Amino acid sequence: MTGAGTGLLFSPWLWLAMPLIVSIDAVLPIVPGDELVMAAAAVADGDLRYIVLVLLTAGIGAFIGDQCAYAVGRARLRRGGDAVLGPRRQKAMDLARGALAKGGMSALIAARFLPGGRTAVNMLAGRLGYPRPQFRAATLVGATISVSYAMTVGTLAGRIVEDSPLLVVLGGMALGASVPLIVGVPARVVREVRRRRHAGDATATATTATVEV
């Protein structure tokens, strides 16, 4: 984030930029919505009014952005066609489809913490015609949790590198980016153990059947 970007954190314009950027981030994940929330929390320095305003404006932006992503998916449903997705976005969409089918509202909340998962699952919910009242309830809870999470990460970053706003922003981004990786590694290990266990059970069953024959 440039000097102008860090200056925004101390400007009244922040309260207009925050919901706008966070809402756009829900549809276009390349927009640094979460990073802005982290950066704002990092420089709050215990100012309760500032913290509450960040929570409210970011939460409103996150909720509105989720509804926009749902509307995009709904529009594609009405057109009866899908956009051509790249391999990474297609993979995220496939994972979101499976999660939404199994988890429902809990999947809508959990997907926010996966890279690209929030956008994919929200658009997919609209595309599949997921009930709007349940979607709104889930995204209201999800927006509150995800913004609180981003603010917590930003606050921790602010305590680690409190002398430089730029380092605070970079530290918040690094902490935020590391969490999905930290969570993803154990998940992959568990999946691999289960896969090998199932493969071992299948081999044992086949061997037993051969011996009996």
N, C-alpha and C. Protein backbone atom coordinates (compact mmCIF):
# COMPACT_ATOMS: atom_id res chain seq x y z
N MET A 1 0.85 -1.18 0.00
CA MET A 1 0.00 0.00 0.00
C MET A 1 0.89 1.23 0.00
N THR A 2 0.60 2.20 -0.84
CA THR A 2 1.43 3.38 -0.99
C THR A 2 1.17 4.36 0.14
N GLY A 3 1.94 5.49 0.10
CA GLY A 3 1.73 6.52 1.10
C GLY A 3 0.32 7.05 1.07
N ALA A 4 -0.23 7.20 -0.15
CA ALA A 4 -1.62 7.64 -0.28
C ALA A 4 -2.57 6.63 0.35
N GLY A 5 -2.21 5.33 0.19
CA GLY A 5 -3.05 4.28 0.77
C GLY A 5 -3.04 4.30 2.28
N THR A 6 -1.84 4.45 2.86
CA THR A 6 -1.77 4.51 4.32
C THR A 6 -2.40 5.81 4.84
N GLY A 7 -2.32 6.88 4.05
CA GLY A 7 -2.97 8.13 4.44
C GLY A 7 -4.46 7.99 4.51
N LEU A 8 -5.02 7.12 3.68
CA LEU A 8 -6.46 6.89 3.69
C LEU A 8 -6.92 6.38 5.04
N LEU A 9 -6.06 5.63 5.73
CA LEU A 9 -6.42 5.06 7.02
C LEU A 9 -6.72 6.13 8.07
N PHE A 10 -6.22 7.33 7.86
CA PHE A 10 -6.41 8.41 8.82
C PHE A 10 -7.29 9.53 8.24
N SER A 11 -7.97 9.22 7.15
CA SER A 11 -8.79 10.21 6.46
C SER A 11 -10.28 9.91 6.67
N PRO A 12 -11.11 10.96 6.72
CA PRO A 12 -12.57 10.74 6.79
C PRO A 12 -13.10 9.95 5.59
N TRP A 13 -12.36 10.00 4.47
CA TRP A 13 -12.78 9.26 3.28
C TRP A 13 -12.77 7.75 3.51
N LEU A 14 -12.07 7.32 4.55
CA LEU A 14 -11.99 5.88 4.84
C LEU A 14 -13.38 5.28 5.03
N TRP A 15 -14.28 6.05 5.64
CA TRP A 15 -15.60 5.51 5.97
C TRP A 15 -16.50 5.38 4.74
N LEU A 16 -16.11 6.00 3.64
CA LEU A 16 -16.78 5.76 2.35
C LEU A 16 -16.05 4.69 1.56
N ALA A 17 -14.73 4.72 1.64
CA ALA A 17 -13.93 3.76 0.87
C ALA A 17 -14.05 2.34 1.44
N MET A 18 -14.15 2.22 2.76
CA MET A 18 -14.17 0.90 3.39
C MET A 18 -15.31 0.02 2.89
N PRO A 19 -16.58 0.44 3.00
CA PRO A 19 -17.65 -0.45 2.52
C PRO A 19 -17.59 -0.68 1.01
N LEU A 20 -17.13 0.34 0.25
CA LEU A 20 -17.06 0.20 -1.19
C LEU A 20 -16.02 -0.85 -1.59
N ILE A 21 -14.82 -0.73 -1.04
CA ILE A 21 -13.74 -1.65 -1.39
C ILE A 21 -14.04 -3.06 -0.90
N VAL A 22 -14.56 -3.18 0.32
CA VAL A 22 -14.86 -4.50 0.86
C VAL A 22 -15.97 -5.17 0.06
N SER A 23 -16.97 -4.41 -0.37
CA SER A 23 -18.06 -5.00 -1.16
C SER A 23 -17.57 -5.46 -2.53
N ILE A 24 -16.70 -4.67 -3.15
CA ILE A 24 -16.15 -5.07 -4.45
C ILE A 24 -15.30 -6.33 -4.30
N ASP A 25 -14.57 -6.43 -3.18
CA ASP A 25 -13.73 -7.60 -2.91
C ASP A 25 -14.54 -8.89 -2.92
N ALA A 26 -15.82 -8.80 -2.54
CA ALA A 26 -16.66 -9.99 -2.50
C ALA A 26 -16.92 -10.56 -3.89
N VAL A 27 -16.85 -9.70 -4.90
CA VAL A 27 -17.10 -10.12 -6.28
C VAL A 27 -15.78 -10.28 -7.05
N LEU A 28 -14.83 -9.40 -6.77
CA LEU A 28 -13.51 -9.45 -7.41
C LEU A 28 -12.45 -9.61 -6.32
N PRO A 29 -12.04 -10.84 -6.02
CA PRO A 29 -11.13 -11.08 -4.90
C PRO A 29 -9.76 -10.41 -5.02
N ILE A 30 -9.42 -9.91 -6.21
CA ILE A 30 -8.13 -9.25 -6.36
C ILE A 30 -8.14 -7.87 -5.69
N VAL A 31 -9.32 -7.34 -5.39
CA VAL A 31 -9.42 -6.06 -4.70
C VAL A 31 -9.07 -6.28 -3.22
N PRO A 32 -8.17 -5.48 -2.64
CA PRO A 32 -7.67 -5.74 -1.28
C PRO A 32 -8.61 -5.29 -0.16
N GLY A 33 -9.80 -5.87 -0.13
CA GLY A 33 -10.76 -5.50 0.90
C GLY A 33 -10.33 -5.96 2.28
N ASP A 34 -9.98 -7.24 2.41
CA ASP A 34 -9.55 -7.76 3.71
C ASP A 34 -8.30 -7.06 4.20
N GLU A 35 -7.38 -6.78 3.27
CA GLU A 35 -6.14 -6.11 3.65
C GLU A 35 -6.41 -4.70 4.19
N LEU A 36 -7.41 -4.03 3.62
CA LEU A 36 -7.76 -2.70 4.11
C LEU A 36 -8.31 -2.78 5.53
N VAL A 37 -9.14 -3.79 5.79
CA VAL A 37 -9.68 -3.97 7.14
C VAL A 37 -8.55 -4.26 8.12
N MET A 38 -7.63 -5.14 7.72
CA MET A 38 -6.49 -5.46 8.59
C MET A 38 -5.65 -4.22 8.89
N ALA A 39 -5.39 -3.45 7.84
CA ALA A 39 -4.57 -2.26 8.00
C ALA A 39 -5.24 -1.25 8.93
N ALA A 40 -6.56 -1.07 8.76
CA ALA A 40 -7.28 -0.12 9.61
C ALA A 40 -7.26 -0.57 11.07
N ALA A 41 -7.45 -1.87 11.29
CA ALA A 41 -7.41 -2.39 12.66
C ALA A 41 -6.02 -2.24 13.26
N ALA A 42 -5.00 -2.39 12.42
CA ALA A 42 -3.62 -2.33 12.90
C ALA A 42 -3.24 -0.94 13.41
N VAL A 43 -3.81 0.09 12.81
CA VAL A 43 -3.44 1.45 13.20
C VAL A 43 -4.46 2.05 14.18
N ALA A 44 -5.45 1.26 14.59
CA ALA A 44 -6.50 1.78 15.48
C ALA A 44 -5.94 2.23 16.82
N ASP A 45 -4.91 1.53 17.31
CA ASP A 45 -4.21 1.91 18.54
C ASP A 45 -5.19 2.08 19.72
N GLY A 46 -6.13 1.14 19.82
CA GLY A 46 -7.04 1.15 20.96
C GLY A 46 -8.15 2.18 20.90
N ASP A 47 -8.29 2.90 19.80
CA ASP A 47 -9.35 3.91 19.65
C ASP A 47 -10.68 3.18 19.42
N LEU A 48 -11.51 3.12 20.47
CA LEU A 48 -12.75 2.34 20.41
C LEU A 48 -13.68 2.85 19.31
N ARG A 49 -13.81 4.16 19.17
CA ARG A 49 -14.68 4.73 18.13
C ARG A 49 -14.21 4.31 16.75
N TYR A 50 -12.91 4.37 16.52
CA TYR A 50 -12.34 3.98 15.23
C TYR A 50 -12.60 2.50 14.96
N ILE A 51 -12.38 1.68 15.97
CA ILE A 51 -12.57 0.23 15.82
C ILE A 51 -14.02 -0.10 15.49
N VAL A 52 -14.96 0.53 16.20
CA VAL A 52 -16.38 0.28 15.96
C VAL A 52 -16.76 0.70 14.55
N LEU A 53 -16.25 1.84 14.09
CA LEU A 53 -16.56 2.31 12.73
C LEU A 53 -16.00 1.36 11.68
N VAL A 54 -14.79 0.84 11.91
CA VAL A 54 -14.22 -0.13 10.97
C VAL A 54 -15.09 -1.38 10.93
N LEU A 55 -15.49 -1.87 12.10
CA LEU A 55 -16.32 -3.07 12.16
C LEU A 55 -17.65 -2.87 11.44
N LEU A 56 -18.29 -1.73 11.66
CA LEU A 56 -19.59 -1.47 11.05
C LEU A 56 -19.49 -1.28 9.54
N THR A 57 -18.57 -0.41 9.12
CA THR A 57 -18.48 -0.12 7.68
C THR A 57 -17.99 -1.33 6.89
N ALA A 58 -17.02 -2.05 7.44
CA ALA A 58 -16.52 -3.25 6.75
C ALA A 58 -17.58 -4.34 6.75
N GLY A 59 -18.31 -4.49 7.87
CA GLY A 59 -19.36 -5.50 7.92
C GLY A 59 -20.48 -5.22 6.94
N ILE A 60 -20.87 -3.95 6.83
CA ILE A 60 -21.90 -3.57 5.85
C ILE A 60 -21.41 -3.85 4.44
N GLY A 61 -20.16 -3.47 4.17
CA GLY A 61 -19.60 -3.71 2.84
C GLY A 61 -19.54 -5.19 2.50
N ALA A 62 -19.12 -6.01 3.48
CA ALA A 62 -19.03 -7.45 3.25
C ALA A 62 -20.40 -8.05 2.96
N PHE A 63 -21.41 -7.63 3.73
CA PHE A 63 -22.76 -8.16 3.53
C PHE A 63 -23.31 -7.76 2.17
N ILE A 64 -23.15 -6.49 1.80
CA ILE A 64 -23.64 -6.02 0.50
C ILE A 64 -22.91 -6.73 -0.63
N GLY A 65 -21.60 -6.90 -0.48
CA GLY A 65 -20.83 -7.58 -1.51
C GLY A 65 -21.28 -9.02 -1.71
N ASP A 66 -21.61 -9.70 -0.62
CA ASP A 66 -22.12 -11.06 -0.73
C ASP A 66 -23.43 -11.11 -1.52
N GLN A 67 -24.29 -10.13 -1.27
CA GLN A 67 -25.57 -10.10 -2.00
C GLN A 67 -25.33 -9.84 -3.49
N CYS A 68 -24.31 -9.01 -3.80
CA CYS A 68 -23.98 -8.74 -5.20
C CYS A 68 -23.46 -10.01 -5.88
N ALA A 69 -22.61 -10.77 -5.18
CA ALA A 69 -22.10 -12.02 -5.74
C ALA A 69 -23.24 -13.00 -5.98
N TYR A 70 -24.16 -13.06 -5.05
CA TYR A 70 -25.34 -13.92 -5.21
C TYR A 70 -26.15 -13.49 -6.43
N ALA A 71 -26.31 -12.17 -6.60
CA ALA A 71 -27.08 -11.64 -7.73
C ALA A 71 -26.42 -11.98 -9.05
N VAL A 72 -25.07 -11.95 -9.07
CA VAL A 72 -24.34 -12.32 -10.29
C VAL A 72 -24.62 -13.78 -10.64
N GLY A 73 -24.56 -14.65 -9.64
CA GLY A 73 -24.87 -16.06 -9.87
C GLY A 73 -26.31 -16.26 -10.29
N ARG A 74 -27.21 -15.49 -9.70
CA ARG A 74 -28.63 -15.59 -10.04
C ARG A 74 -28.87 -15.16 -11.49
N ALA A 75 -28.16 -14.13 -11.92
CA ALA A 75 -28.31 -13.65 -13.29
C ALA A 75 -27.85 -14.72 -14.28
N ARG A 76 -26.79 -15.41 -13.94
CA ARG A 76 -26.31 -16.49 -14.82
C ARG A 76 -27.31 -17.63 -14.86
N LEU A 77 -27.97 -17.89 -13.71
CA LEU A 77 -28.99 -18.93 -13.68
C LEU A 77 -30.13 -18.58 -14.63
N ARG A 78 -30.56 -17.31 -14.60
CA ARG A 78 -31.68 -16.88 -15.45
C ARG A 78 -31.31 -16.93 -16.92
N ARG A 79 -30.02 -16.63 -17.22
CA ARG A 79 -29.60 -16.68 -18.62
C ARG A 79 -29.46 -18.11 -19.11
N GLY A 80 -29.31 -19.04 -18.14
CA GLY A 80 -29.18 -20.44 -18.51
C GLY A 80 -27.82 -20.81 -19.03
N GLY A 81 -26.81 -19.99 -18.73
CA GLY A 81 -25.46 -20.29 -19.20
C GLY A 81 -24.43 -19.93 -18.18
N ASP A 82 -23.21 -20.46 -18.36
CA ASP A 82 -22.11 -20.20 -17.44
C ASP A 82 -20.98 -19.53 -18.19
N ALA A 83 -20.28 -18.67 -17.50
CA ALA A 83 -19.10 -18.06 -18.08
C ALA A 83 -17.98 -19.09 -18.14
N VAL A 84 -17.05 -18.91 -19.04
CA VAL A 84 -15.90 -19.80 -19.14
C VAL A 84 -14.92 -19.42 -18.04
N LEU A 85 -14.60 -20.38 -17.17
CA LEU A 85 -13.74 -20.11 -16.03
C LEU A 85 -12.35 -20.68 -16.27
N GLY A 86 -11.34 -20.04 -15.70
CA GLY A 86 -9.99 -20.57 -15.74
C GLY A 86 -9.88 -21.78 -14.83
N PRO A 87 -8.78 -22.53 -14.93
CA PRO A 87 -8.63 -23.76 -14.13
C PRO A 87 -8.75 -23.53 -12.63
N ARG A 88 -8.12 -22.44 -12.12
CA ARG A 88 -8.15 -22.20 -10.69
C ARG A 88 -9.54 -21.81 -10.22
N ARG A 89 -10.22 -20.95 -10.97
CA ARG A 89 -11.58 -20.54 -10.59
C ARG A 89 -12.55 -21.71 -10.73
N GLN A 90 -12.33 -22.56 -11.74
CA GLN A 90 -13.19 -23.72 -11.91
C GLN A 90 -13.04 -24.68 -10.75
N LYS A 91 -11.78 -24.86 -10.29
CA LYS A 91 -11.53 -25.73 -9.13
C LYS A 91 -12.22 -25.18 -7.90
N ALA A 92 -12.09 -23.85 -7.68
CA ALA A 92 -12.75 -23.22 -6.53
C ALA A 92 -14.26 -23.39 -6.62
N MET A 93 -14.81 -23.27 -7.83
CA MET A 93 -16.25 -23.40 -8.02
C MET A 93 -16.70 -24.84 -7.76
N ASP A 94 -15.91 -25.82 -8.19
CA ASP A 94 -16.25 -27.22 -7.94
C ASP A 94 -16.23 -27.54 -6.45
N LEU A 95 -15.22 -27.02 -5.75
CA LEU A 95 -15.14 -27.23 -4.30
C LEU A 95 -16.33 -26.57 -3.60
N ALA A 96 -16.68 -25.38 -4.07
CA ALA A 96 -17.81 -24.67 -3.47
C ALA A 96 -19.11 -25.43 -3.71
N ARG A 97 -19.26 -26.00 -4.88
CA ARG A 97 -20.47 -26.77 -5.19
C ARG A 97 -20.63 -27.94 -4.23
N GLY A 98 -19.54 -28.68 -4.01
CA GLY A 98 -19.59 -29.82 -3.10
C GLY A 98 -19.85 -29.39 -1.67
N ALA A 99 -19.20 -28.30 -1.25
CA ALA A 99 -19.38 -27.81 0.12
C ALA A 99 -20.80 -27.32 0.35
N LEU A 100 -21.36 -26.62 -0.62
CA LEU A 100 -22.71 -26.08 -0.49
C LEU A 100 -23.73 -27.21 -0.44
N ALA A 101 -23.49 -28.26 -1.22
CA ALA A 101 -24.42 -29.39 -1.24
C ALA A 101 -24.42 -30.12 0.11
N LYS A 102 -23.26 -30.19 0.76
CA LYS A 102 -23.15 -30.93 2.01
C LYS A 102 -23.45 -30.08 3.24
N GLY A 103 -22.96 -28.82 3.22
CA GLY A 103 -23.00 -28.03 4.44
C GLY A 103 -24.05 -26.95 4.52
N GLY A 104 -24.61 -26.53 3.38
CA GLY A 104 -25.62 -25.49 3.42
C GLY A 104 -25.11 -24.18 3.99
N MET A 105 -25.81 -23.66 5.01
CA MET A 105 -25.46 -22.37 5.60
C MET A 105 -24.07 -22.39 6.22
N SER A 106 -23.69 -23.50 6.85
CA SER A 106 -22.36 -23.58 7.45
C SER A 106 -21.27 -23.49 6.39
N ALA A 107 -21.55 -24.04 5.19
CA ALA A 107 -20.58 -23.97 4.11
C ALA A 107 -20.42 -22.54 3.62
N LEU A 108 -21.51 -21.78 3.59
CA LEU A 108 -21.45 -20.38 3.18
C LEU A 108 -20.55 -19.57 4.11
N ILE A 109 -20.55 -19.93 5.38
CA ILE A 109 -19.72 -19.22 6.35
C ILE A 109 -18.27 -19.70 6.26
N ALA A 110 -18.07 -21.01 6.23
CA ALA A 110 -16.71 -21.56 6.24
C ALA A 110 -15.93 -21.23 4.98
N ALA A 111 -16.64 -21.14 3.84
CA ALA A 111 -15.96 -20.90 2.56
C ALA A 111 -15.27 -19.55 2.50
N ARG A 112 -15.67 -18.63 3.36
CA ARG A 112 -15.07 -17.28 3.37
C ARG A 112 -13.59 -17.32 3.71
N PHE A 113 -13.17 -18.39 4.38
CA PHE A 113 -11.79 -18.46 4.84
C PHE A 113 -10.91 -19.30 3.91
N LEU A 114 -11.44 -19.67 2.75
CA LEU A 114 -10.66 -20.37 1.74
C LEU A 114 -10.33 -19.42 0.60
N PRO A 115 -9.13 -19.54 0.01
CA PRO A 115 -8.77 -18.64 -1.10
C PRO A 115 -9.77 -18.73 -2.24
N GLY A 116 -10.44 -17.64 -2.53
CA GLY A 116 -11.43 -17.62 -3.61
C GLY A 116 -12.74 -18.28 -3.27
N GLY A 117 -12.82 -18.88 -2.07
CA GLY A 117 -14.01 -19.66 -1.71
C GLY A 117 -15.25 -18.81 -1.51
N ARG A 118 -15.06 -17.62 -0.93
CA ARG A 118 -16.20 -16.76 -0.64
C ARG A 118 -16.93 -16.37 -1.93
N THR A 119 -16.19 -15.88 -2.90
CA THR A 119 -16.79 -15.47 -4.16
C THR A 119 -17.44 -16.65 -4.86
N ALA A 120 -16.72 -17.77 -4.90
CA ALA A 120 -17.22 -18.94 -5.62
C ALA A 120 -18.50 -19.47 -5.01
N VAL A 121 -18.54 -19.63 -3.69
CA VAL A 121 -19.71 -20.24 -3.07
C VAL A 121 -20.91 -19.28 -3.09
N ASN A 122 -20.67 -17.98 -2.99
CA ASN A 122 -21.78 -17.02 -3.04
C ASN A 122 -22.40 -16.96 -4.43
N MET A 123 -21.54 -16.93 -5.45
CA MET A 123 -22.07 -16.94 -6.82
C MET A 123 -22.78 -18.25 -7.11
N LEU A 124 -22.21 -19.33 -6.61
CA LEU A 124 -22.82 -20.64 -6.85
C LEU A 124 -24.17 -20.76 -6.16
N ALA A 125 -24.27 -20.16 -4.96
CA ALA A 125 -25.56 -20.17 -4.26
C ALA A 125 -26.63 -19.49 -5.10
N GLY A 126 -26.29 -18.37 -5.73
CA GLY A 126 -27.24 -17.71 -6.61
C GLY A 126 -27.53 -18.54 -7.85
N ARG A 127 -26.50 -19.15 -8.40
CA ARG A 127 -26.67 -19.95 -9.61
C ARG A 127 -27.54 -21.17 -9.38
N LEU A 128 -27.44 -21.75 -8.16
CA LEU A 128 -28.22 -22.94 -7.84
C LEU A 128 -29.60 -22.60 -7.28
N GLY A 129 -29.89 -21.30 -7.13
CA GLY A 129 -31.18 -20.90 -6.59
C GLY A 129 -31.31 -21.17 -5.12
N TYR A 130 -30.19 -21.05 -4.38
CA TYR A 130 -30.23 -21.25 -2.93
C TYR A 130 -31.20 -20.23 -2.32
N PRO A 131 -32.05 -20.65 -1.37
CA PRO A 131 -33.06 -19.74 -0.80
C PRO A 131 -32.44 -18.44 -0.29
N ARG A 132 -32.99 -17.32 -0.74
CA ARG A 132 -32.41 -16.01 -0.39
C ARG A 132 -32.46 -15.72 1.12
N PRO A 133 -33.55 -16.03 1.84
CA PRO A 133 -33.55 -15.73 3.28
C PRO A 133 -32.43 -16.45 4.04
N GLN A 134 -32.24 -17.75 3.72
CA GLN A 134 -31.15 -18.49 4.37
C GLN A 134 -29.79 -17.93 3.97
N PHE A 135 -29.67 -17.50 2.71
CA PHE A 135 -28.41 -16.94 2.25
C PHE A 135 -28.10 -15.66 3.01
N ARG A 136 -29.10 -14.80 3.16
CA ARG A 136 -28.89 -13.54 3.86
C ARG A 136 -28.51 -13.77 5.32
N ALA A 137 -29.16 -14.74 5.95
CA ALA A 137 -28.85 -15.04 7.35
C ALA A 137 -27.41 -15.54 7.48
N ALA A 138 -27.03 -16.45 6.57
CA ALA A 138 -25.68 -17.02 6.63
C ALA A 138 -24.62 -15.97 6.36
N THR A 139 -24.87 -15.10 5.38
CA THR A 139 -23.86 -14.09 5.05
C THR A 139 -23.80 -12.98 6.10
N LEU A 140 -24.90 -12.74 6.80
CA LEU A 140 -24.86 -11.77 7.90
C LEU A 140 -23.92 -12.27 9.01
N VAL A 141 -24.08 -13.54 9.34
CA VAL A 141 -23.19 -14.14 10.34
C VAL A 141 -21.77 -14.22 9.81
N GLY A 142 -21.64 -14.65 8.55
CA GLY A 142 -20.31 -14.80 7.96
C GLY A 142 -19.57 -13.48 7.85
N ALA A 143 -20.29 -12.42 7.48
CA ALA A 143 -19.66 -11.11 7.35
C ALA A 143 -19.13 -10.64 8.70
N THR A 144 -19.91 -10.85 9.75
CA THR A 144 -19.48 -10.45 11.09
C THR A 144 -18.23 -11.22 11.53
N ILE A 145 -18.24 -12.52 11.27
CA ILE A 145 -17.10 -13.36 11.67
C ILE A 145 -15.85 -13.01 10.88
N SER A 146 -16.00 -12.87 9.55
CA SER A 146 -14.82 -12.63 8.72
C SER A 146 -14.21 -11.25 8.96
N VAL A 147 -15.05 -10.25 9.19
CA VAL A 147 -14.52 -8.91 9.47
C VAL A 147 -13.84 -8.90 10.84
N SER A 148 -14.44 -9.57 11.81
CA SER A 148 -13.82 -9.67 13.14
C SER A 148 -12.48 -10.39 13.06
N TYR A 149 -12.43 -11.42 12.24
CA TYR A 149 -11.18 -12.16 12.04
C TYR A 149 -10.12 -11.27 11.42
N ALA A 150 -10.49 -10.54 10.36
CA ALA A 150 -9.53 -9.65 9.70
C ALA A 150 -9.04 -8.57 10.66
N MET A 151 -9.92 -8.05 11.49
CA MET A 151 -9.53 -7.03 12.45
C MET A 151 -8.59 -7.61 13.51
N THR A 152 -8.84 -8.84 13.92
CA THR A 152 -7.95 -9.49 14.89
C THR A 152 -6.55 -9.67 14.32
N VAL A 153 -6.50 -10.14 13.07
CA VAL A 153 -5.21 -10.30 12.40
C VAL A 153 -4.49 -8.97 12.28
N GLY A 154 -5.23 -7.94 11.89
CA GLY A 154 -4.64 -6.61 11.76
C GLY A 154 -4.13 -6.07 13.08
N THR A 155 -4.89 -6.30 14.15
CA THR A 155 -4.46 -5.84 15.48
C THR A 155 -3.17 -6.52 15.90
N LEU A 156 -3.07 -7.82 15.65
CA LEU A 156 -1.84 -8.55 15.97
C LEU A 156 -0.66 -8.01 15.16
N ALA A 157 -0.90 -7.74 13.88
CA ALA A 157 0.16 -7.19 13.04
C ALA A 157 0.59 -5.83 13.54
N GLY A 158 -0.37 -5.03 14.00
CA GLY A 158 -0.04 -3.71 14.51
C GLY A 158 0.84 -3.76 15.74
N ARG A 159 0.67 -4.79 16.55
CA ARG A 159 1.49 -4.92 17.75
C ARG A 159 2.90 -5.42 17.41
N ILE A 160 3.00 -6.18 16.31
CA ILE A 160 4.31 -6.71 15.92
C ILE A 160 5.16 -5.62 15.29
N VAL A 161 4.56 -4.86 14.37
CA VAL A 161 5.31 -3.80 13.66
C VAL A 161 4.54 -2.49 13.82
N GLU A 162 4.70 -1.86 14.95
CA GLU A 162 3.88 -0.70 15.28
C GLU A 162 4.50 0.62 14.86
N ASP A 163 5.72 0.63 14.33
CA ASP A 163 6.38 1.90 14.02
C ASP A 163 6.12 2.39 12.60
N SER A 164 5.73 1.50 11.71
CA SER A 164 5.58 1.88 10.31
C SER A 164 4.23 1.43 9.78
N PRO A 165 3.40 2.34 9.29
CA PRO A 165 2.11 1.94 8.71
C PRO A 165 2.26 0.96 7.54
N LEU A 166 3.31 1.16 6.73
CA LEU A 166 3.51 0.27 5.59
C LEU A 166 3.83 -1.14 6.05
N LEU A 167 4.71 -1.27 7.07
CA LEU A 167 5.03 -2.59 7.60
C LEU A 167 3.82 -3.23 8.27
N VAL A 168 3.00 -2.40 8.88
CA VAL A 168 1.77 -2.91 9.49
C VAL A 168 0.87 -3.54 8.43
N VAL A 169 0.72 -2.85 7.31
CA VAL A 169 -0.11 -3.37 6.22
C VAL A 169 0.48 -4.67 5.68
N LEU A 170 1.77 -4.67 5.42
CA LEU A 170 2.42 -5.88 4.88
C LEU A 170 2.35 -7.02 5.90
N GLY A 171 2.55 -6.69 7.18
CA GLY A 171 2.46 -7.72 8.20
C GLY A 171 1.06 -8.30 8.31
N GLY A 172 0.05 -7.45 8.21
CA GLY A 172 -1.33 -7.94 8.24
C GLY A 172 -1.64 -8.83 7.06
N MET A 173 -1.16 -8.43 5.88
CA MET A 173 -1.37 -9.25 4.70
C MET A 173 -0.69 -10.60 4.84
N ALA A 174 0.54 -10.60 5.40
CA ALA A 174 1.28 -11.85 5.56
C ALA A 174 0.58 -12.78 6.55
N LEU A 175 0.11 -12.21 7.67
CA LEU A 175 -0.60 -13.02 8.65
C LEU A 175 -1.90 -13.58 8.08
N GLY A 176 -2.62 -12.72 7.37
CA GLY A 176 -3.88 -13.16 6.78
C GLY A 176 -3.69 -14.25 5.74
N ALA A 177 -2.64 -14.10 4.93
CA ALA A 177 -2.38 -15.09 3.88
C ALA A 177 -1.88 -16.41 4.44
N SER A 178 -1.23 -16.37 5.61
CA SER A 178 -0.64 -17.58 6.17
C SER A 178 -1.68 -18.50 6.81
N VAL A 179 -2.78 -17.93 7.27
CA VAL A 179 -3.76 -18.74 7.98
C VAL A 179 -4.35 -19.85 7.10
N PRO A 180 -4.80 -19.56 5.85
CA PRO A 180 -5.31 -20.65 5.03
C PRO A 180 -4.26 -21.72 4.76
N LEU A 181 -3.00 -21.32 4.65
CA LEU A 181 -1.93 -22.28 4.42
C LEU A 181 -1.74 -23.16 5.65
N ILE A 182 -1.73 -22.54 6.84
CA ILE A 182 -1.55 -23.29 8.07
C ILE A 182 -2.69 -24.28 8.27
N VAL A 183 -3.90 -23.83 7.96
CA VAL A 183 -5.06 -24.71 8.10
C VAL A 183 -5.08 -25.78 7.02
N GLY A 184 -4.62 -25.42 5.82
CA GLY A 184 -4.70 -26.34 4.69
C GLY A 184 -3.75 -27.51 4.78
N VAL A 185 -2.56 -27.30 5.37
CA VAL A 185 -1.57 -28.38 5.44
C VAL A 185 -2.08 -29.55 6.29
N PRO A 186 -2.56 -29.31 7.54
CA PRO A 186 -3.11 -30.43 8.30
C PRO A 186 -4.28 -31.10 7.60
N ALA A 187 -5.11 -30.30 6.93
CA ALA A 187 -6.27 -30.88 6.23
C ALA A 187 -5.81 -31.84 5.13
N ARG A 188 -4.76 -31.45 4.41
CA ARG A 188 -4.24 -32.32 3.37
C ARG A 188 -3.65 -33.59 3.95
N VAL A 189 -2.96 -33.46 5.11
CA VAL A 189 -2.38 -34.64 5.76
C VAL A 189 -3.48 -35.60 6.17
N VAL A 190 -4.56 -35.06 6.75
CA VAL A 190 -5.68 -35.90 7.19
C VAL A 190 -6.30 -36.61 5.99
N ARG A 191 -6.49 -35.87 4.88
CA ARG A 191 -7.07 -36.49 3.69
C ARG A 191 -6.18 -37.60 3.15
N GLU A 192 -4.86 -37.39 3.18
CA GLU A 192 -3.94 -38.40 2.68
C GLU A 192 -3.95 -39.64 3.56
N VAL A 193 -4.01 -39.44 4.88
CA VAL A 193 -4.07 -40.57 5.80
C VAL A 193 -5.35 -41.37 5.57
N ARG A 194 -6.46 -40.66 5.40
CA ARG A 194 -7.73 -41.35 5.15
C ARG A 194 -7.71 -42.10 3.84
N ARG A 195 -7.09 -41.48 2.82
CA ARG A 195 -7.03 -42.14 1.51
C ARG A 195 -6.23 -43.43 1.60
N ARG A 196 -5.09 -43.37 2.28
CA ARG A 196 -4.26 -44.56 2.40
C ARG A 196 -4.93 -45.63 3.26
N ARG A 197 -5.68 -45.17 4.27
CA ARG A 197 -6.38 -46.14 5.12
C ARG A 197 -7.45 -46.85 4.32
N HIS A 198 -8.21 -46.07 3.51
CA HIS A 198 -9.25 -46.69 2.68
C HIS A 198 -8.63 -47.63 1.66
N ALA A 199 -7.50 -47.22 1.10
CA ALA A 199 -6.82 -48.07 0.12
C ALA A 199 -6.34 -49.36 0.78
N GLY A 200 -5.83 -49.24 2.02
CA GLY A 200 -5.37 -50.42 2.75
C GLY A 200 -6.52 -51.36 3.07
N ASP A 201 -7.65 -50.77 3.48
CA ASP A 201 -8.83 -51.60 3.79
C ASP A 201 -9.33 -52.32 2.55
N ALA A 202 -9.31 -51.61 1.41
CA ALA A 202 -9.77 -52.23 0.17
C ALA A 202 -8.85 -53.36 -0.24
N THR A 203 -7.54 -53.15 -0.07
CA THR A 203 -6.57 -54.20 -0.42
C THR A 203 -6.75 -55.42 0.48
N ALA A 204 -6.96 -55.17 1.79
CA ALA A 204 -7.14 -56.27 2.73
C ALA A 204 -8.40 -57.07 2.41
N THR A 205 -9.46 -56.36 2.05
CA THR A 205 -10.72 -57.02 1.69
C THR A 205 -10.56 -57.88 0.44
N ALA A 206 -9.86 -57.33 -0.55
CA ALA A 206 -9.63 -58.08 -1.78
C ALA A 206 -8.76 -59.30 -1.52
N THR A 207 -7.77 -59.16 -0.66
CA THR A 207 -6.90 -60.31 -0.34
C THR A 207 -7.66 -61.40 0.37
N THR A 208 -8.51 -61.00 1.33
CA THR A 208 -9.32 -61.96 2.06
C THR A 208 -10.26 -62.73 1.13
N ALA A 209 -10.88 -61.99 0.20
CA ALA A 209 -11.79 -62.63 -0.74
C ALA A 209 -11.06 -63.63 -1.63
N THR A 210 -9.84 -63.30 -2.02
CA THR A 210 -9.06 -64.19 -2.88
C THR A 210 -8.70 -65.47 -2.14
N VAL A 211 -8.32 -65.34 -0.84
CA VAL A 211 -7.94 -66.49 -0.05
C VAL A 211 -9.14 -67.40 0.13
N GLU A 212 -10.33 -66.80 0.40
CA GLU A 212 -11.53 -67.61 0.60
C GLU A 212 -11.89 -68.39 -0.64
N VAL A 213 -11.68 -67.75 -1.82
CA VAL A 213 -11.98 -68.45 -3.07
C VAL A 213 -11.01 -69.61 -3.27
